[in-house]
Amino acid sequence: MAAGFFGTVVTSRPAIAAAMLVVLLSGSLAAQAGDDASGDTAEVRARERALTDAMHARDRAGLDLLLAPDYVLRGSPDIDRSTWIQNAATLCWGDRSDIDAFHARQLDQVIVASFELTFYVDPSTCRPAVLRSLITDIWTRHADGWRLQIRHSGQAGAGIAAQFGAAPQPPPAWVAASELSLVATGGNTSTRTIGLGGDVTHRTDLATTRGSVAFLTSETDAVASARSLTTRARHGIRVSERIELFGEGSYSRDRFAGIGHRTTTAAGAAFTAMLSPRQRLATEGSIGFTAERRLDATRLRFATATGALGYAWTFAPGIELTGDAGMIGDLATAGNWRGTAATAVSVGLTRLLSLKASHAIEYRNTPVAGFGRTDMRTAAALVVSLQRPSGP
């Protein structure tokens, strides 16, 4: 929340723009000459102190008197007056702050003030901390005195790094990935399990299309004991930044679970929330249809309702933790429901290669005759990923 007090300044008003230009291009002049000793700039300095005192006291009325009606903290995005006052009056600011290296210049009805502002409490956690910012404020004259019109804040002491920010790169237009896992044993019993997988994703400004395939085979003494194959295609259309409408279909064979053939189709909506710059949470729901032929010769055809939850956390560069859980219900038979859960950790080795460890559980409340309700799969795989950036 403290970041709500930082931003960059741009304005179209001639007087304010001229004042800001003086600060940006002639900051050294202010540093050399010191404060303008006029009464107006002295009053502005007193008002800067009163502003921080009002923050300490969480005095909304005092803050309201010091801010111009159209006050804004410029940034990406801008922080408007009401939000700024809400933050100032509710977050923790402690009972102490320092204003240092104060300089001010007056241009007609505008005063530009710059200074270092230091708080000694983290406003988001209320814990002791030292937060120091380089502030540039633009004050304008009103009938009742000087009021703060625009504020800009940057990290104090950061040098040229504080002038630039890294813009997030758009997602790549094409992403193709393949993975291979292998487990083998020898001796009294020879076993071998091989897993292969691949997926391709294409993104545009409005849509995302993905196709994937996964194959798993297990052999004991050179005789195939079980195999599974799953192919899936999905197309989603974004209706807003966080909401997507999608349709998907899949075909699978899973001898591990007694499934000879299964075909599914579904359509629904997904919502994605960014919990933090490195964490996202996605939820989705859909209605569909499943046709299934089992190894015990039974055939099932039923309408389905599906709910799913997905979480991803990039807790270090190149290292990502993901977790997914879902439930599929038969709309005609309450007892015929299935649940899935999967957790994976990926560690990037190079730009193209990464290691992936995963654990998946599938539960079927009404299993195929002769098969258990639960399947668990644990794998370690080498993943090769290729990307094509967006744009020309």
Protein backbone atom coordinates (compact mmCIF):
# COMPACT_ATOMS: atom_id res chain seq x y z
CA MET A 1 0.00 0.00 0.00
CA ALA A 2 2.89 2.34 0.59
CA ALA A 3 3.53 2.28 -3.13
CA GLY A 4 0.28 4.23 -3.50
CA PHE A 5 2.22 7.35 -2.58
CA PHE A 6 4.68 7.10 -5.49
CA GLY A 7 4.40 7.92 -9.19
CA THR A 8 5.62 10.13 -12.05
CA VAL A 9 4.48 13.66 -12.83
CA VAL A 10 2.99 14.84 -16.10
CA THR A 11 0.59 17.74 -16.59
CA SER A 12 -0.86 19.90 -19.30
CA ARG A 13 -1.31 23.13 -17.36
CA PRO A 14 1.26 25.64 -18.65
CA ALA A 15 2.25 27.09 -15.30
CA ILE A 16 2.54 23.72 -13.60
CA ALA A 17 4.36 22.22 -16.56
CA ALA A 18 6.85 25.08 -16.54
CA ALA A 19 7.43 24.62 -12.83
CA MET A 20 8.05 20.91 -13.24
CA LEU A 21 10.42 21.58 -16.13
CA VAL A 22 12.45 23.85 -13.90
CA VAL A 23 12.74 21.09 -11.31
CA LEU A 24 13.64 18.35 -13.76
CA LEU A 25 16.14 20.31 -15.83
CA SER A 26 17.52 22.68 -13.24
CA GLY A 27 17.48 20.66 -10.04
CA SER A 28 21.14 21.43 -9.42
CA LEU A 29 20.36 25.14 -9.37
CA ALA A 30 17.96 24.64 -6.50
CA ALA A 31 20.51 22.55 -4.65
CA GLN A 32 23.16 25.25 -5.01
CA ALA A 33 20.98 28.25 -4.21
CA GLY A 34 19.05 26.75 -1.30
CA ASP A 35 15.55 27.81 -0.26
CA ASP A 36 13.76 30.77 -1.72
CA ALA A 37 13.31 32.91 1.37
CA SER A 38 9.90 34.36 0.36
CA GLY A 39 6.99 34.14 2.74
CA ASP A 40 5.04 31.97 0.32
CA THR A 41 7.68 29.26 0.17
CA ALA A 42 8.02 29.37 3.94
CA GLU A 43 4.28 28.87 4.18
CA VAL A 44 4.51 25.89 1.81
CA ARG A 45 7.21 24.36 3.98
CA ALA A 46 4.94 24.71 6.99
CA ARG A 47 2.12 23.11 5.03
CA GLU A 48 4.36 20.17 4.08
CA ARG A 49 4.98 19.63 7.77
CA ALA A 50 1.27 19.97 8.51
CA LEU A 51 0.54 17.38 5.82
CA THR A 52 2.78 14.74 7.41
CA ASP A 53 1.45 15.62 10.87
CA ALA A 54 -2.08 15.01 9.59
CA MET A 55 -0.96 11.62 8.28
CA HIS A 56 0.45 10.69 11.69
CA ALA A 57 -2.81 11.81 13.33
CA ARG A 58 -4.96 10.20 10.61
CA ASP A 59 -6.72 13.56 10.39
CA ARG A 60 -8.99 13.39 7.32
CA ALA A 61 -10.25 16.95 7.82
CA GLY A 62 -6.70 18.30 7.98
CA LEU A 63 -5.70 16.38 4.86
CA ASP A 64 -8.78 17.65 3.05
CA LEU A 65 -7.84 21.29 3.74
CA LEU A 66 -4.29 20.84 2.40
CA LEU A 67 -5.10 19.08 -0.89
CA ALA A 68 -6.47 20.77 -4.01
CA PRO A 69 -9.91 19.55 -5.15
CA ASP A 70 -8.35 17.80 -8.16
CA TYR A 71 -5.20 16.59 -6.40
CA VAL A 72 -3.54 13.56 -7.95
CA LEU A 73 -0.49 11.44 -7.31
CA ARG A 74 0.77 10.69 -10.80
CA GLY A 75 1.88 7.16 -11.48
CA SER A 76 0.83 3.99 -13.22
CA PRO A 77 -1.98 4.03 -12.37
CA ASP A 78 -2.70 7.49 -10.95
CA ILE A 79 -3.84 7.75 -7.34
CA ASP A 80 -6.80 10.08 -7.01
CA ARG A 81 -7.57 12.39 -4.13
CA SER A 82 -10.08 10.21 -2.29
CA THR A 83 -7.87 7.11 -2.50
CA TRP A 84 -4.83 9.05 -1.32
CA ILE A 85 -6.70 10.42 1.69
CA GLN A 86 -8.06 6.95 2.48
CA ASN A 87 -4.53 5.50 2.46
CA ALA A 88 -3.11 8.39 4.46
CA ALA A 89 -5.81 8.09 7.11
CA THR A 90 -5.82 4.30 7.51
CA LEU A 91 -2.26 3.05 7.07
CA CYS A 92 0.42 3.13 9.76
CA TRP A 93 2.72 6.18 9.70
CA GLY A 94 3.98 6.09 13.26
CA ASP A 95 4.48 9.27 15.25
CA ARG A 96 7.67 10.53 13.65
CA SER A 97 8.82 11.68 10.22
CA ASP A 98 11.63 13.90 8.93
CA ILE A 99 11.70 16.45 6.11
CA ASP A 100 15.25 17.11 4.94
CA ALA A 101 17.00 18.97 2.11
CA PHE A 102 13.95 21.16 1.49
CA HIS A 103 14.07 23.43 -1.57
CA ALA A 104 11.30 25.50 -3.12
CA ARG A 105 10.87 27.75 -6.17
CA GLN A 106 7.91 29.99 -6.96
CA LEU A 107 6.63 30.73 -10.47
CA ASP A 108 3.68 33.10 -10.24
CA GLN A 109 0.79 31.13 -8.68
CA VAL A 110 2.75 27.87 -8.48
CA ILE A 111 5.39 26.69 -6.03
CA VAL A 112 7.50 23.61 -6.68
CA ALA A 113 8.93 22.02 -3.55
CA SER A 114 11.38 19.13 -3.35
CA PHE A 115 12.67 17.35 -0.26
CA GLU A 116 13.54 14.01 1.32
CA LEU A 117 10.74 12.52 3.37
CA THR A 118 11.53 9.77 5.88
CA PHE A 119 9.08 7.60 7.80
CA TYR A 120 10.15 5.12 10.45
CA VAL A 121 7.29 2.62 10.19
CA ASP A 122 6.29 0.35 7.32
CA PRO A 123 2.75 1.63 6.60
CA SER A 124 1.53 -1.78 5.37
CA THR A 125 2.78 -3.89 8.30
CA CYS A 126 3.07 -1.28 11.10
CA ARG A 127 6.53 -2.65 11.86
CA PRO A 128 9.65 -0.53 12.43
CA ALA A 129 11.36 0.37 9.15
CA VAL A 130 13.11 3.28 7.45
CA LEU A 131 11.32 4.45 4.30
CA ARG A 132 13.00 7.38 2.59
CA SER A 133 11.58 9.06 -0.54
CA LEU A 134 12.55 12.00 -2.72
CA ILE A 135 9.37 14.08 -3.06
CA THR A 136 8.49 16.70 -5.65
CA ASP A 137 5.28 18.60 -4.85
CA ILE A 138 3.47 21.23 -6.90
CA TRP A 139 1.44 23.68 -4.83
CA THR A 140 -1.08 26.10 -6.36
CA ARG A 141 -2.62 29.21 -4.85
CA HIS A 142 -6.30 29.03 -3.89
CA ALA A 143 -8.65 31.49 -2.22
CA ASP A 144 -7.93 29.94 1.17
CA GLY A 145 -4.15 29.59 0.64
CA TRP A 146 -1.70 27.16 -0.91
CA ARG A 147 -2.92 23.64 -1.69
CA LEU A 148 -1.06 20.57 -2.94
CA GLN A 149 -1.98 19.93 -6.58
CA ILE A 150 0.34 17.16 -7.78
CA ARG A 151 2.82 14.90 -6.02
CA HIS A 152 5.64 12.79 -7.42
CA SER A 153 7.85 10.48 -5.39
CA GLY A 154 10.91 8.41 -6.13
CA GLN A 155 13.35 6.30 -4.19
CA ALA A 156 15.85 8.50 -2.42
CA GLY A 157 19.50 7.80 -3.10
CA ALA A 158 18.83 5.46 -6.03
CA GLY A 159 20.53 7.66 -8.61
CA ILE A 160 19.67 7.10 -12.25
CA ALA A 161 17.92 3.80 -11.48
CA ALA A 162 15.05 5.71 -9.89
CA GLN A 163 14.31 7.46 -13.21
CA PHE A 164 13.48 4.32 -15.14
CA GLY A 165 11.17 1.36 -14.64
CA ALA A 166 11.12 -1.98 -16.39
CA ALA A 167 7.90 -2.33 -18.38
CA PRO A 168 6.42 -5.83 -18.25
CA GLN A 169 6.89 -7.75 -21.45
CA PRO A 170 3.74 -9.02 -23.18
CA PRO A 171 3.28 -12.79 -23.14
CA PRO A 172 4.95 -14.53 -26.10
CA ALA A 173 2.70 -15.14 -29.10
CA TRP A 174 3.79 -18.79 -29.37
CA VAL A 175 5.03 -21.15 -26.67
CA ALA A 176 5.90 -24.78 -27.39
CA ALA A 177 7.10 -27.15 -24.66
CA SER A 178 7.89 -30.85 -24.48
CA GLU A 179 8.91 -33.02 -21.55
CA LEU A 180 10.37 -36.46 -20.94
CA SER A 181 10.41 -38.54 -17.77
CA LEU A 182 11.93 -42.01 -17.36
CA VAL A 183 12.07 -44.45 -14.45
CA ALA A 184 13.68 -47.89 -14.83
CA THR A 185 14.60 -50.72 -12.44
CA GLY A 186 16.54 -53.97 -12.99
CA GLY A 187 17.43 -57.16 -11.17
CA ASN A 188 14.79 -59.62 -10.06
CA THR A 189 12.13 -57.53 -11.77
CA SER A 190 12.73 -55.27 -14.72
CA THR A 191 10.37 -52.29 -14.93
CA ARG A 192 10.33 -49.19 -17.05
CA THR A 193 8.00 -46.21 -17.00
CA ILE A 194 8.23 -43.56 -19.69
CA GLY A 195 6.30 -40.30 -19.78
CA LEU A 196 6.13 -37.98 -22.78
CA GLY A 197 4.25 -34.71 -23.04
CA GLY A 198 3.98 -31.63 -25.17
CA ASP A 199 1.84 -28.56 -25.57
CA VAL A 200 1.58 -25.56 -27.89
CA THR A 201 0.00 -22.23 -26.93
CA HIS A 202 -0.86 -19.33 -29.22
CA ARG A 203 -1.88 -15.94 -27.83
CA THR A 204 -3.36 -12.86 -29.45
CA ASP A 205 -4.69 -9.67 -27.88
CA LEU A 206 -8.13 -11.22 -27.47
CA ALA A 207 -7.73 -15.00 -27.51
CA THR A 208 -5.61 -17.91 -26.31
CA THR A 209 -5.51 -21.30 -28.01
CA ARG A 210 -3.77 -24.32 -26.52
CA GLY A 211 -3.27 -27.93 -27.55
CA SER A 212 -1.58 -30.61 -25.46
CA VAL A 213 -0.79 -34.32 -25.48
CA ALA A 214 0.47 -36.60 -22.69
CA PHE A 215 1.53 -40.24 -22.95
CA LEU A 216 2.55 -42.63 -20.18
CA THR A 217 3.53 -46.29 -20.52
CA SER A 218 4.65 -48.81 -17.91
CA GLU A 219 6.33 -52.13 -18.69
CA THR A 220 7.24 -55.04 -16.44
CA ASP A 221 9.71 -57.61 -17.77
CA ALA A 222 9.29 -56.16 -21.28
CA VAL A 223 5.50 -56.59 -21.17
CA ALA A 224 3.32 -53.47 -21.24
CA SER A 225 1.30 -53.42 -18.04
CA ALA A 226 -0.60 -50.15 -18.58
CA ARG A 227 -0.69 -47.11 -20.82
CA SER A 228 -2.47 -43.79 -20.92
CA LEU A 229 -2.92 -41.16 -23.61
CA THR A 230 -4.61 -37.79 -23.25
CA THR A 231 -5.05 -35.09 -25.90
CA ARG A 232 -6.72 -31.78 -25.18
CA ALA A 233 -7.57 -28.60 -27.12
CA ARG A 234 -8.88 -25.35 -25.67
CA HIS A 235 -9.77 -21.95 -27.09
CA GLY A 236 -10.49 -18.94 -24.87
CA ILE A 237 -11.70 -15.43 -25.66
CA ARG A 238 -10.96 -12.63 -23.19
CA VAL A 239 -13.94 -10.43 -22.43
CA SER A 240 -11.98 -8.36 -19.91
CA GLU A 241 -8.51 -8.25 -18.40
CA ARG A 242 -9.38 -11.02 -15.94
CA ILE A 243 -12.36 -12.88 -17.43
CA GLU A 244 -12.21 -15.41 -20.24
CA LEU A 245 -14.89 -17.47 -21.98
CA PHE A 246 -13.63 -20.83 -23.24
CA GLY A 247 -14.53 -24.04 -24.99
CA GLU A 248 -12.49 -27.22 -24.79
CA GLY A 249 -12.49 -30.85 -25.80
CA SER A 250 -10.36 -33.88 -24.94
CA TYR A 251 -9.85 -37.53 -25.79
CA SER A 252 -8.15 -40.01 -23.46
CA ARG A 253 -7.36 -43.68 -22.92
CA ASP A 254 -6.28 -44.68 -19.42
CA ARG A 255 -5.55 -48.37 -18.87
CA PHE A 256 -4.23 -47.54 -15.38
CA ALA A 257 -7.81 -46.65 -14.37
CA GLY A 258 -9.69 -49.08 -16.62
CA ILE A 259 -10.81 -46.50 -19.17
CA GLY A 260 -10.83 -47.72 -22.77
CA HIS A 261 -11.94 -44.46 -24.39
CA ARG A 262 -13.21 -41.16 -23.03
CA THR A 263 -14.33 -38.08 -24.97
CA THR A 264 -15.28 -34.84 -23.23
CA THR A 265 -16.46 -31.40 -24.34
CA ALA A 266 -17.12 -28.37 -22.16
CA ALA A 267 -17.74 -24.62 -22.27
CA GLY A 268 -17.44 -22.15 -19.43
CA ALA A 269 -15.81 -19.06 -17.95
CA ALA A 270 -12.55 -18.44 -16.09
CA PHE A 271 -11.50 -15.63 -13.77
CA THR A 272 -7.86 -14.83 -12.93
CA ALA A 273 -6.78 -12.66 -10.00
CA MET A 274 -3.23 -11.37 -9.40
CA LEU A 275 -2.58 -11.83 -5.70
CA SER A 276 0.82 -10.14 -6.10
CA PRO A 277 3.25 -9.49 -8.96
CA ARG A 278 4.47 -13.08 -8.54
CA GLN A 279 1.28 -14.89 -7.55
CA ARG A 280 -1.91 -15.53 -9.45
CA LEU A 281 -5.08 -17.44 -8.68
CA ALA A 282 -7.47 -18.71 -11.35
CA THR A 283 -10.96 -20.14 -10.94
CA GLU A 284 -13.23 -21.57 -13.61
CA GLY A 285 -16.52 -23.35 -14.05
CA SER A 286 -18.01 -25.14 -17.04
CA ILE A 287 -20.84 -27.32 -18.30
CA GLY A 288 -20.07 -30.22 -20.64
CA PHE A 289 -20.69 -33.76 -21.81
CA THR A 290 -18.71 -37.00 -21.37
CA ALA A 291 -18.87 -40.26 -23.33
CA GLU A 292 -16.89 -43.10 -21.74
CA ARG A 293 -16.26 -46.74 -22.59
CA ARG A 294 -14.72 -48.79 -19.81
CA LEU A 295 -12.66 -51.98 -19.89
CA ASP A 296 -15.47 -53.84 -18.12
CA ALA A 297 -17.58 -53.26 -21.30
CA THR A 298 -19.85 -50.64 -19.70
CA ARG A 299 -20.61 -47.40 -21.53
CA LEU A 300 -21.45 -44.11 -19.87
CA ARG A 301 -22.84 -40.92 -21.42
CA PHE A 302 -23.65 -38.02 -19.12
CA ALA A 303 -23.73 -34.24 -18.78
CA THR A 304 -21.15 -32.74 -16.44
CA ALA A 305 -20.51 -29.68 -14.28
CA THR A 306 -16.89 -28.84 -13.58
CA GLY A 307 -15.18 -26.50 -11.14
CA ALA A 308 -11.43 -25.88 -11.00
CA LEU A 309 -8.93 -23.81 -9.06
CA GLY A 310 -5.34 -23.04 -10.11
CA TYR A 311 -2.51 -21.27 -8.30
CA ALA A 312 0.93 -20.22 -9.51
CA TRP A 313 3.76 -18.63 -7.52
CA THR A 314 7.07 -17.54 -9.04
CA PHE A 315 8.92 -17.30 -5.75
CA ALA A 316 12.35 -16.79 -7.34
CA PRO A 317 13.54 -16.04 -10.88
CA GLY A 318 13.18 -19.22 -12.93
CA ILE A 319 11.49 -21.16 -10.10
CA GLU A 320 7.72 -21.62 -10.13
CA LEU A 321 5.31 -23.56 -7.93
CA THR A 322 1.92 -24.47 -9.38
CA GLY A 323 -1.09 -26.21 -7.88
CA ASP A 324 -4.36 -27.25 -9.52
CA ALA A 325 -7.51 -28.87 -8.17
CA GLY A 326 -10.76 -29.72 -9.87
CA MET A 327 -13.99 -31.64 -9.53
CA ILE A 328 -16.23 -33.12 -12.22
CA GLY A 329 -19.80 -34.06 -11.34
CA ASP A 330 -22.33 -36.17 -13.23
CA LEU A 331 -25.52 -34.05 -13.44
CA ALA A 332 -27.69 -37.17 -13.60
CA THR A 333 -25.97 -39.41 -11.02
CA ALA A 334 -24.75 -37.68 -7.87
CA GLY A 335 -22.39 -40.49 -6.88
CA ASN A 336 -20.49 -40.47 -10.18
CA TRP A 337 -18.04 -37.68 -9.47
CA ARG A 338 -14.27 -37.40 -9.92
CA GLY A 339 -11.65 -35.16 -8.36
CA THR A 340 -8.13 -34.26 -9.42
CA ALA A 341 -5.23 -32.44 -7.77
CA ALA A 342 -1.72 -31.74 -9.02
CA THR A 343 1.31 -29.92 -7.68
CA ALA A 344 4.48 -29.13 -9.63
CA VAL A 345 7.75 -27.27 -9.13
CA SER A 346 9.75 -26.09 -12.15
CA VAL A 347 13.36 -24.93 -11.96
CA GLY A 348 14.87 -23.22 -14.97
CA LEU A 349 18.33 -24.43 -15.96
CA THR A 350 18.79 -22.37 -19.12
CA ARG A 351 16.57 -20.28 -21.36
CA LEU A 352 15.38 -23.49 -23.04
CA LEU A 353 15.75 -26.22 -20.39
CA SER A 354 14.12 -26.73 -17.02
CA LEU A 355 13.53 -29.50 -14.52
CA LYS A 356 10.02 -30.27 -13.36
CA ALA A 357 8.91 -32.38 -10.41
CA SER A 358 5.20 -33.15 -10.12
CA HIS A 359 2.71 -35.14 -8.11
CA ALA A 360 -0.87 -35.80 -9.29
CA ILE A 361 -3.84 -37.53 -7.69
CA GLU A 362 -7.03 -38.64 -9.42
CA TYR A 363 -10.00 -39.90 -7.43
CA ARG A 364 -13.09 -41.59 -8.92
CA ASN A 365 -15.99 -42.08 -6.55
CA THR A 366 -17.46 -44.73 -8.89
CA PRO A 367 -14.45 -46.61 -10.28
CA VAL A 368 -14.35 -49.22 -13.01
CA ALA A 369 -15.07 -52.71 -11.65
CA GLY A 370 -11.81 -54.32 -10.57
CA PHE A 371 -9.94 -51.00 -10.26
CA GLY A 372 -9.30 -48.78 -7.26
CA ARG A 373 -10.69 -45.32 -6.71
CA THR A 374 -7.38 -43.48 -6.50
CA ASP A 375 -4.41 -43.14 -8.86
CA MET A 376 -1.26 -41.24 -7.88
CA ARG A 377 1.59 -40.30 -10.20
CA THR A 378 4.90 -38.76 -9.20
CA ALA A 379 7.37 -37.75 -11.89
CA ALA A 380 10.55 -35.81 -12.53
CA ALA A 381 10.93 -34.55 -16.09
CA LEU A 382 13.26 -32.58 -18.31
CA VAL A 383 11.33 -29.83 -20.12
CA VAL A 384 12.36 -28.09 -23.35
CA SER A 385 10.52 -24.83 -24.03
CA LEU A 386 10.58 -22.60 -27.12
CA GLN A 387 9.00 -19.16 -27.33
CA ARG A 388 8.25 -16.69 -30.08
CA PRO A 389 7.79 -13.08 -28.89
CA SER A 390 4.69 -11.04 -29.64
CA GLY A 391 4.81 -8.36 -32.29
CA PRO A 392 6.58 -8.21 -35.64
